[in-house]
Amino acid sequence: MRAVDPYPVGAATRPGPENGPERPAGPVDVGSPTAPPAAAAGLDRADAVRLAAEYGWPIYVADVGRLRSNIVRMYREFSRTLRDFEIGYSFKTNYLARFIQVARELGLTAEVVSELEFDYARDLGFSGTQILVNGPVKSGIFMQRALEQGARVNIDSVDELITLDELGRAGRSPVDVGLRVSYGFHGRSRFGIDLEDPDICRAVRQVLDAGHIRVAGAHVHTPGRRSPASFQLRLRCVAAAMERVGIVRPDYLDVGGGFMGTIPTDLAQQLAEPQASYQEYAEALGETMSGLFGEDQPRLIVEPGTGLLADTMTLYAPVTSVKRSAAGSTVAIVDASLHDIKPLRGTIDPSVRVLGRDATRGGTDLRTESVQLAGNTCMEIDVLHTGLETTGERIAAGDVLEFRNVGAYTVSLRPSFIAPTPAVLESPRRDEPARVLRPRGTSVDLGRAYGLRP
């Protein structure tokens, strides 16, 4: 039986108060989505092929409504347990302007980790007071500019602290900063300042005693653990760190990101920890804040990049060929790459669905099969899925695959490598034109990036 061709013809500002930025107003009322929303229906095969005829393979589809729902649900759950909190949109997790604009409309802070991201946030309408600056590399000039515009800056090292102390000496009032605390579940993180080291703590206190810097808060972010209990440990860690430098009640505590969001079953089964909900995180953090500070709680800042964004995007890509060996192995070549689906190259396989086949395909070749999905680059590491279990009609060229939960880090980290960067479309409604959120990459874009002059 001839495979169905997946390449049809034509395929191609709010000002903050004097003592710091005001609390974000929070999302507008859009109903009461207290439970995670049901999984989006996604595109069917015909719709995916139709869009590919105009925008080329592979195609990202972005669900703006899902992002709105995630933000509103998180805000509502945290409102029930915390007296004062702030949600930061992690710029590095997804740079789509449409997503960031929605986050800004719903009251989120811009959480950035570089001067480039800071300027991008300003370009997208965030005021300085709506920006939180993290990251391990910040020049003195950048930190000064950010602070002068009202941004909060969490410093990552003693060297940055000394640089800001010099700026403070030149000013008339102390410089307010946050300290990123080094902490980790498997040894100390290379990020932040290890205030449990007596010599480092002494050096920090010596700078602070000069009176040119005021520590307004503390920040911690550590990979490896995502459970609500792990966030309670983070919170106790930053509170204890503040006490070591003489701060009993800071203005804010920032526990970073790493929250879970809505996760498909086939992904959740691969996780080392049970899936957690926004409600469980809110209850755990609220309980710990009350235990540490009682009624007089500082603001709690969270930066849920993956937890808000992972389930907001889906990638559609065709199988272009299938290789079956006499030894029993099966490899399906897919017109998408590791960079499009799992650029961080983790060990967890993506959530994949094989879309319905064309009716002209026969249904006689039925069996259970484990299929390795390989990408469209000439790199051995380009493996999209180590063993997709299929039951029924065997996978074949012309099938279209749906990769779910690819909204975190994919569009940000995807390089112009071998194949064009995919187009990103806002979830199209049937019989309506798709809205392009990011166009497909071209050779012109590649030439411009690498020095080809027009």
Protein backbone atom coordinates (compact mmCIF):
# COMPACT_ATOMS: atom_id res chain seq x y z
CA MET A 1 0.00 0.00 0.00
CA ARG A 2 1.40 3.39 -0.95
CA ALA A 3 2.18 5.73 1.95
CA VAL A 4 0.19 8.95 2.25
CA ASP A 5 2.35 11.91 1.27
CA PRO A 6 2.67 14.30 4.26
CA TYR A 7 4.07 16.98 1.93
CA PRO A 8 1.15 18.21 -0.16
CA VAL A 9 1.76 20.52 -3.09
CA GLY A 10 2.75 23.98 -1.89
CA ALA A 11 4.24 22.86 1.41
CA ALA A 12 6.47 25.23 2.41
CA THR A 13 3.21 50.32 33.40
CA ARG A 14 2.47 50.51 36.83
CA PRO A 15 4.79 52.70 39.03
CA GLY A 16 5.85 51.14 42.29
CA PRO A 17 5.72 52.83 45.70
CA GLU A 18 8.81 54.33 47.26
CA ASN A 19 9.68 51.18 49.21
CA GLY A 20 9.49 48.80 46.25
CA PRO A 21 7.27 47.70 43.41
CA GLU A 22 3.61 47.25 44.06
CA ARG A 23 2.09 43.81 44.11
CA PRO A 24 0.79 42.79 40.68
CA ALA A 25 -2.94 43.27 40.45
CA GLY A 26 -3.49 39.66 39.42
CA PRO A 27 -5.52 38.22 36.60
CA VAL A 28 -8.86 39.53 35.52
CA ASP A 29 -11.82 37.27 36.27
CA VAL A 30 -12.26 34.69 33.52
CA GLY A 31 -14.42 32.18 35.36
CA SER A 32 -13.45 29.67 38.00
CA PRO A 33 -10.93 27.18 36.62
CA THR A 34 -9.97 25.60 39.94
CA ALA A 35 -9.18 22.20 38.43
CA PRO A 36 -6.64 21.60 35.68
CA PRO A 37 -8.26 22.06 32.27
CA ALA A 38 -8.93 19.02 30.13
CA ALA A 39 -6.31 18.22 27.55
CA ALA A 40 -6.80 20.24 24.40
CA ALA A 41 -8.23 18.30 21.48
CA GLY A 42 -5.39 19.42 19.20
CA LEU A 43 -5.38 19.19 15.42
CA ASP A 44 -6.53 16.21 13.44
CA ARG A 45 -4.37 14.83 10.67
CA ALA A 46 -6.18 16.71 7.90
CA ASP A 47 -5.80 20.05 9.67
CA ALA A 48 -2.10 19.44 10.32
CA VAL A 49 -1.45 18.56 6.69
CA ARG A 50 -3.46 21.59 5.52
CA LEU A 51 -1.43 23.96 7.71
CA ALA A 52 1.83 22.33 6.64
CA ALA A 53 0.94 23.08 3.02
CA GLU A 54 1.17 26.77 3.90
CA TYR A 55 3.71 26.91 6.72
CA GLY A 56 5.90 23.85 6.20
CA TRP A 57 6.76 20.94 8.51
CA PRO A 58 7.07 20.79 11.47
CA ILE A 59 4.51 23.15 12.98
CA TYR A 60 4.14 24.45 16.53
CA VAL A 61 0.62 25.25 17.70
CA ALA A 62 0.45 27.59 20.70
CA ASP A 63 -2.59 27.56 23.00
CA VAL A 64 -2.93 31.08 24.40
CA GLY A 65 -6.13 30.15 26.21
CA ARG A 66 -4.28 27.42 28.08
CA LEU A 67 -1.64 29.91 29.23
CA ARG A 68 -4.36 32.26 30.50
CA SER A 69 -6.05 29.41 32.35
CA ASN A 70 -2.77 28.28 33.94
CA ILE A 71 -1.99 31.78 35.18
CA VAL A 72 -5.48 32.32 36.60
CA ARG A 73 -5.52 28.94 38.34
CA MET A 74 -2.11 29.49 39.93
CA TYR A 75 -3.04 32.98 41.04
CA ARG A 76 -6.28 31.77 42.64
CA GLU A 77 -4.67 28.88 44.48
CA PHE A 78 -1.88 31.06 45.85
CA SER A 79 -4.37 33.77 46.85
CA ARG A 80 -6.04 31.28 49.18
CA THR A 81 -2.92 30.54 51.24
CA LEU A 82 -0.52 33.49 50.95
CA ARG A 83 -0.88 37.04 52.20
CA ASP A 84 1.40 38.61 49.60
CA PHE A 85 2.89 36.96 46.56
CA GLU A 86 4.08 37.64 43.06
CA ILE A 87 4.34 35.42 39.97
CA GLY A 88 7.19 36.01 37.55
CA TYR A 89 7.08 35.05 33.88
CA SER A 90 10.35 33.29 33.10
CA PHE A 91 11.47 34.92 29.85
CA LYS A 92 14.09 32.30 29.00
CA THR A 93 11.47 29.53 29.10
CA ASN A 94 9.51 30.92 26.14
CA TYR A 95 10.26 34.15 24.25
CA LEU A 96 7.00 34.32 22.27
CA ALA A 97 5.86 37.94 22.38
CA ARG A 98 2.20 36.85 22.38
CA PHE A 99 2.71 34.76 25.51
CA ILE A 100 4.64 37.50 27.28
CA GLN A 101 1.99 40.08 26.44
CA VAL A 102 -0.69 37.83 27.92
CA ALA A 103 1.40 37.37 31.07
CA ARG A 104 1.83 41.13 31.38
CA GLU A 105 -1.91 41.73 30.90
CA LEU A 106 -2.62 39.28 33.72
CA GLY A 107 -0.27 41.02 36.14
CA LEU A 108 2.86 38.87 36.05
CA THR A 109 6.33 40.28 36.63
CA ALA A 110 9.03 39.90 33.98
CA GLU A 111 11.72 37.54 35.34
CA VAL A 112 14.85 38.04 33.24
CA VAL A 113 18.40 36.70 33.44
CA SER A 114 20.37 39.00 31.15
CA GLU A 115 20.56 42.53 29.78
CA LEU A 116 19.16 41.27 26.47
CA GLU A 117 16.08 39.92 28.22
CA PHE A 118 15.77 43.11 30.29
CA ASP A 119 15.68 45.21 27.12
CA TYR A 120 13.21 42.80 25.53
CA ALA A 121 10.93 43.16 28.56
CA ARG A 122 11.09 46.95 28.25
CA ASP A 123 10.33 46.65 24.51
CA LEU A 124 7.24 44.60 25.39
CA GLY A 125 5.91 47.27 27.73
CA PHE A 126 7.12 46.28 31.20
CA SER A 127 8.19 49.18 33.37
CA GLY A 128 11.40 48.88 35.36
CA THR A 129 9.43 48.23 38.55
CA GLN A 130 7.76 45.24 36.89
CA ILE A 131 11.09 43.50 36.18
CA LEU A 132 13.05 41.09 38.37
CA VAL A 133 16.68 40.56 37.33
CA ASN A 134 18.41 37.25 38.03
CA GLY A 135 21.33 35.52 36.30
CA PRO A 136 25.01 34.77 36.98
CA VAL A 137 26.54 37.47 34.75
CA LYS A 138 25.55 41.10 35.26
CA SER A 139 27.89 44.00 34.56
CA GLY A 140 28.05 46.95 36.91
CA ILE A 141 26.67 49.22 34.18
CA PHE A 142 23.70 46.92 33.60
CA MET A 143 22.93 46.54 37.31
CA GLN A 144 23.09 50.29 37.76
CA ARG A 145 20.76 50.88 34.82
CA ALA A 146 18.29 48.27 36.03
CA LEU A 147 18.24 49.67 39.56
CA GLU A 148 17.82 53.23 38.32
CA GLN A 149 14.76 52.09 36.37
CA GLY A 150 13.26 50.54 39.51
CA ALA A 151 13.99 46.87 38.83
CA ARG A 152 14.85 44.46 41.59
CA VAL A 153 18.22 42.79 41.18
CA ASN A 154 19.22 39.50 42.81
CA ILE A 155 23.00 39.33 42.89
CA ASP A 156 24.73 36.02 42.28
CA SER A 157 28.22 36.47 43.75
CA VAL A 158 30.34 38.38 46.23
CA ASP A 159 31.99 40.09 43.26
CA GLU A 160 28.64 41.50 42.14
CA LEU A 161 28.01 42.60 45.72
CA ILE A 162 31.31 44.49 45.80
CA THR A 163 30.51 46.12 42.45
CA LEU A 164 27.18 47.35 43.79
CA ASP A 165 28.83 48.51 47.00
CA GLU A 166 31.02 50.79 44.88
CA LEU A 167 27.91 52.13 43.17
CA GLY A 168 26.30 52.64 46.54
CA ARG A 169 29.26 54.63 47.80
CA ALA A 170 28.76 57.06 44.92
CA GLY A 171 25.05 57.52 45.69
CA ARG A 172 23.12 59.33 48.39
CA SER A 173 21.13 56.36 49.67
CA PRO A 174 21.74 52.63 50.10
CA VAL A 175 21.20 50.35 47.10
CA ASP A 176 18.45 47.75 47.61
CA VAL A 177 19.40 44.27 46.34
CA GLY A 178 18.48 40.64 46.77
CA LEU A 179 20.96 37.84 47.44
CA ARG A 180 20.81 34.59 45.51
CA VAL A 181 21.56 31.85 48.02
CA SER A 182 23.57 28.78 47.00
CA TYR A 183 21.60 25.69 47.81
CA GLY A 184 21.09 22.25 46.34
CA PHE A 185 19.59 18.86 47.09
CA HIS A 186 22.69 17.10 45.76
CA GLY A 187 25.46 19.37 47.00
CA ARG A 188 25.83 23.12 46.68
CA SER A 189 24.66 24.79 43.50
CA ARG A 190 27.29 26.70 41.55
CA PHE A 191 24.83 29.60 41.48
CA GLY A 192 24.43 32.07 44.30
CA ILE A 193 26.34 32.88 47.48
CA ASP A 194 27.06 30.15 50.02
CA LEU A 195 26.18 31.90 53.26
CA GLU A 196 26.78 28.70 55.23
CA ASP A 197 30.49 29.15 54.55
CA PRO A 198 31.76 31.25 57.50
CA ASP A 199 34.37 33.12 55.45
CA ILE A 200 31.92 34.03 52.69
CA CYS A 201 29.26 35.05 55.20
CA ARG A 202 31.80 37.22 57.00
CA ALA A 203 32.81 38.91 53.73
CA VAL A 204 29.16 39.63 52.89
CA ARG A 205 28.45 41.08 56.31
CA GLN A 206 31.54 43.25 56.07
CA VAL A 207 30.24 44.79 52.85
CA LEU A 208 26.75 45.25 54.28
CA ASP A 209 28.08 46.84 57.46
CA ALA A 210 29.48 49.69 55.36
CA GLY A 211 25.88 50.82 54.89
CA HIS A 212 25.90 51.33 51.13
CA ILE A 213 23.75 48.28 50.38
CA ARG A 214 20.47 47.15 51.93
CA VAL A 215 19.47 43.52 51.47
CA ALA A 216 15.79 43.57 50.53
CA GLY A 217 15.32 39.87 49.90
CA ALA A 218 16.75 36.52 48.95
CA HIS A 219 16.42 34.17 45.99
CA VAL A 220 17.01 30.46 45.58
CA HIS A 221 16.52 28.16 42.62
CA THR A 222 17.74 24.62 42.48
CA PRO A 223 17.07 21.84 39.98
CA GLY A 224 16.42 18.21 40.77
CA ARG A 225 13.39 18.34 43.03
CA ARG A 226 9.89 19.54 42.15
CA SER A 227 7.74 18.33 45.05
CA PRO A 228 5.82 20.76 47.30
CA ALA A 229 7.99 19.58 50.19
CA SER A 230 11.13 20.62 48.28
CA PHE A 231 9.76 24.14 47.96
CA GLN A 232 9.20 24.23 51.71
CA LEU A 233 12.90 23.38 52.13
CA ARG A 234 13.86 26.17 49.73
CA LEU A 235 11.79 28.64 51.70
CA ARG A 236 13.36 27.66 55.01
CA CYS A 237 16.77 27.88 53.35
CA VAL A 238 16.36 31.47 52.17
CA ALA A 239 14.81 32.54 55.47
CA ALA A 240 17.77 31.07 57.37
CA ALA A 241 20.20 32.74 54.96
CA MET A 242 18.65 36.11 55.69
CA GLU A 243 19.14 35.60 59.42
CA ARG A 244 22.83 34.86 58.85
CA VAL A 245 23.29 38.34 57.45
CA GLY A 246 21.15 39.97 60.14
CA ILE A 247 17.84 40.23 58.23
CA VAL A 248 14.96 38.92 60.34
CA ARG A 249 12.10 40.08 58.14
CA PRO A 250 13.09 40.71 54.48
CA ASP A 251 10.85 42.48 51.99
CA TYR A 252 10.62 39.36 49.81
CA LEU A 253 11.70 35.74 49.47
CA ASP A 254 12.01 34.24 45.98
CA VAL A 255 11.86 30.44 45.71
CA GLY A 256 12.46 30.35 41.94
CA GLY A 257 10.91 27.84 39.55
CA GLY A 258 10.64 24.11 38.99
CA PHE A 259 6.89 23.80 39.57
CA MET A 260 4.94 21.08 37.82
CA GLY A 261 1.99 21.91 35.62
CA THR A 262 -0.55 19.73 33.84
CA ILE A 263 1.31 16.65 32.62
CA PRO A 264 0.11 13.87 30.27
CA THR A 265 0.01 10.42 31.81
CA ASP A 266 2.82 9.04 29.65
CA LEU A 267 5.10 11.83 30.90
CA ALA A 268 3.99 11.63 34.53
CA GLN A 269 4.80 7.91 34.63
CA GLN A 270 8.45 8.70 33.89
CA LEU A 271 8.93 11.26 36.68
CA ALA A 272 10.89 10.46 39.81
CA GLU A 273 8.31 12.25 41.96
CA PRO A 274 4.49 12.18 42.02
CA GLN A 275 2.77 14.86 40.01
CA ALA A 276 1.86 17.93 42.09
CA SER A 277 -0.87 20.51 41.56
CA TYR A 278 -0.87 24.29 41.97
CA GLN A 279 -3.09 23.77 45.01
CA GLU A 280 -0.54 21.50 46.69
CA TYR A 281 2.28 23.98 46.09
CA ALA A 282 0.15 26.83 47.43
CA GLU A 283 -0.79 24.94 50.58
CA ALA A 284 2.80 23.87 51.27
CA LEU A 285 4.24 27.37 50.79
CA GLY A 286 1.41 29.03 52.72
CA GLU A 287 1.93 26.71 55.66
CA THR A 288 5.67 27.36 55.74
CA MET A 289 5.33 31.15 55.39
CA SER A 290 2.87 31.20 58.29
CA GLY A 291 5.19 29.05 60.40
CA LEU A 292 8.19 31.28 59.71
CA PHE A 293 6.63 34.73 59.89
CA GLY A 294 3.13 34.45 61.36
CA GLU A 295 0.93 37.37 60.30
CA ASP A 296 3.79 39.63 59.21
CA GLN A 297 4.83 37.78 56.07
CA PRO A 298 7.19 39.12 53.41
CA ARG A 299 6.20 38.87 49.79
CA LEU A 300 6.74 35.44 48.25
CA ILE A 301 7.96 35.40 44.65
CA VAL A 302 7.66 32.35 42.41
CA GLU A 303 9.03 31.86 38.88
CA PRO A 304 7.07 28.94 37.37
CA GLY A 305 8.48 28.68 33.86
CA THR A 306 7.82 25.05 32.96
CA GLY A 307 4.85 24.86 35.32
CA LEU A 308 2.99 27.55 33.38
CA LEU A 309 4.29 27.00 29.87
CA ALA A 310 5.02 23.34 29.11
CA ASP A 311 1.45 22.38 28.22
CA THR A 312 0.79 25.48 26.11
CA MET A 313 2.41 24.21 22.89
CA THR A 314 2.21 21.16 20.65
CA LEU A 315 4.39 20.18 17.69
CA TYR A 316 3.13 18.37 14.61
CA ALA A 317 5.58 16.52 12.37
CA PRO A 318 5.37 13.77 9.73
CA VAL A 319 7.07 10.41 9.56
CA THR A 320 9.12 10.48 6.35
CA SER A 321 10.47 6.92 6.34
CA VAL A 322 10.61 3.78 8.47
CA LYS A 323 13.56 1.39 8.76
CA ARG A 324 12.93 -2.11 10.08
CA SER A 325 15.82 -4.50 10.60
CA ALA A 326 15.94 -8.28 10.55
CA ALA A 327 16.93 -8.10 14.23
CA GLY A 328 13.55 -6.61 15.02
CA SER A 329 14.40 -2.95 15.60
CA THR A 330 12.29 -0.20 14.08
CA VAL A 331 13.36 3.40 13.50
CA ALA A 332 10.95 6.03 12.19
CA ILE A 333 12.53 9.14 10.68
CA VAL A 334 10.57 12.26 11.59
CA ASP A 335 10.76 15.72 10.03
CA ALA A 336 11.57 17.42 13.33
CA SER A 337 14.63 17.45 15.54
CA LEU A 338 15.65 17.02 19.14
CA HIS A 339 16.05 20.81 19.22
CA ASP A 340 12.35 21.22 18.44
CA ILE A 341 11.08 18.85 21.12
CA LYS A 342 13.57 18.31 23.96
CA PRO A 343 16.49 20.76 23.54
CA LEU A 344 17.69 20.14 27.10
CA ARG A 345 18.28 16.49 26.10
CA GLY A 346 16.82 15.01 29.25
CA THR A 347 16.18 11.30 29.73
CA ILE A 348 12.38 11.60 29.69
CA ASP A 349 10.69 10.68 26.40
CA PRO A 350 8.12 13.18 25.07
CA SER A 351 4.37 12.59 25.02
CA VAL A 352 3.48 11.46 21.49
CA ARG A 353 0.25 10.61 19.70
CA VAL A 354 0.00 9.15 16.21
CA LEU A 355 -2.80 11.00 14.43
CA GLY A 356 -5.51 9.09 12.57
CA ARG A 357 -4.38 7.61 9.28
CA ASP A 358 -5.92 8.25 5.91
CA ALA A 359 -8.82 5.94 5.09
CA THR A 360 -7.00 4.64 2.01
CA ARG A 361 -4.39 3.03 4.24
CA GLY A 362 -5.04 -0.66 4.74
CA GLY A 363 -5.68 -2.05 8.23
CA THR A 364 -4.32 -5.57 7.85
CA ASP A 365 -0.79 -5.08 9.22
CA LEU A 366 -1.63 -5.06 12.95
CA ARG A 367 0.84 -5.75 15.76
CA THR A 368 2.53 -4.25 18.85
CA GLU A 369 5.81 -2.56 18.09
CA SER A 370 8.42 -0.43 19.86
CA VAL A 371 9.58 2.38 17.59
CA GLN A 372 12.55 4.67 18.01
CA LEU A 373 11.75 8.12 16.64
CA ALA A 374 14.78 9.77 15.03
CA GLY A 375 15.07 13.39 13.94
CA ASN A 376 15.82 15.19 10.70
CA THR A 377 19.46 16.11 11.36
CA CYS A 378 22.52 14.02 10.50
CA MET A 379 23.46 13.67 14.19
CA GLU A 380 23.36 10.33 16.02
CA ILE A 381 22.13 12.08 19.16
CA ASP A 382 19.00 13.29 17.35
CA VAL A 383 16.61 10.81 18.97
CA LEU A 384 13.14 12.13 19.72
CA HIS A 385 11.79 9.07 21.53
CA THR A 386 13.73 5.98 22.59
CA GLY A 387 10.84 3.55 22.21
CA LEU A 388 7.29 4.59 21.35
CA GLU A 389 4.98 1.64 21.97
CA THR A 390 2.40 1.33 19.21
CA THR A 391 -0.41 -1.20 19.01
CA GLY A 392 -2.45 -1.70 15.89
CA GLU A 393 -1.48 -0.67 12.40
CA ARG A 394 2.28 -0.31 12.17
CA ILE A 395 3.78 3.14 11.93
CA ALA A 396 4.57 4.15 8.36
CA ALA A 397 5.76 7.02 6.20
CA GLY A 398 2.99 9.56 5.91
CA ASP A 399 1.84 9.28 9.52
CA VAL A 400 1.65 12.56 11.41
CA LEU A 401 2.86 12.71 15.02
CA GLU A 402 1.63 15.06 17.73
CA PHE A 403 4.26 15.93 20.37
CA ARG A 404 2.58 17.39 23.44
CA ASN A 405 3.88 19.56 26.29
CA VAL A 406 6.65 21.26 24.29
CA GLY A 407 6.04 24.85 25.40
CA ALA A 408 9.08 25.14 27.69
CA TYR A 409 12.54 26.04 26.30
CA THR A 410 11.91 24.72 22.78
CA VAL A 411 11.38 27.98 20.88
CA SER A 412 14.00 29.72 23.03
CA LEU A 413 16.80 27.17 22.59
CA ARG A 414 16.08 26.01 19.03
CA PRO A 415 19.06 27.02 16.84
CA SER A 416 19.13 27.59 13.08
CA PHE A 417 20.76 24.20 12.56
CA ILE A 418 20.29 22.23 9.33
CA ALA A 419 16.51 22.69 9.14
CA PRO A 420 14.47 25.91 9.40
CA THR A 421 13.10 27.01 12.74
CA PRO A 422 9.43 25.93 12.67
CA ALA A 423 6.55 28.37 12.38
CA VAL A 424 4.53 28.94 15.56
CA LEU A 425 0.79 29.34 15.03
CA GLU A 426 -1.84 30.35 17.55
CA SER A 427 -4.37 27.53 17.97
CA PRO A 428 -6.42 27.92 14.78
CA ARG A 429 -10.16 27.46 14.73
CA ARG A 430 -11.67 25.48 11.90
CA ASP A 431 -12.34 27.55 8.79
CA GLU A 432 -10.38 30.48 10.19
CA PRO A 433 -6.90 31.59 9.10
CA ALA A 434 -4.07 30.75 11.47
CA ARG A 435 -2.34 33.57 13.33
CA VAL A 436 1.42 33.41 12.94
CA LEU A 437 3.21 34.08 16.23
CA ARG A 438 6.64 33.35 14.78
CA PRO A 439 7.31 32.78 11.06
CA ARG A 440 9.19 29.80 9.72
CA GLY A 441 12.92 30.44 9.36
CA THR A 442 14.40 31.05 5.92
CA SER A 443 17.79 31.08 4.23
CA VAL A 444 17.60 34.88 4.41
CA ASP A 445 17.40 34.66 8.21
CA LEU A 446 20.36 32.28 8.23
CA GLY A 447 22.43 34.56 6.03
CA ARG A 448 21.60 37.61 8.09
CA ALA A 449 22.64 35.81 11.27
CA TYR A 450 25.95 34.65 9.82
CA GLY A 451 27.17 37.73 8.00
CA LEU A 452 25.71 37.47 4.50
CA ARG A 453 25.09 41.04 3.40
CA PRO A 454 22.11 41.76 1.13
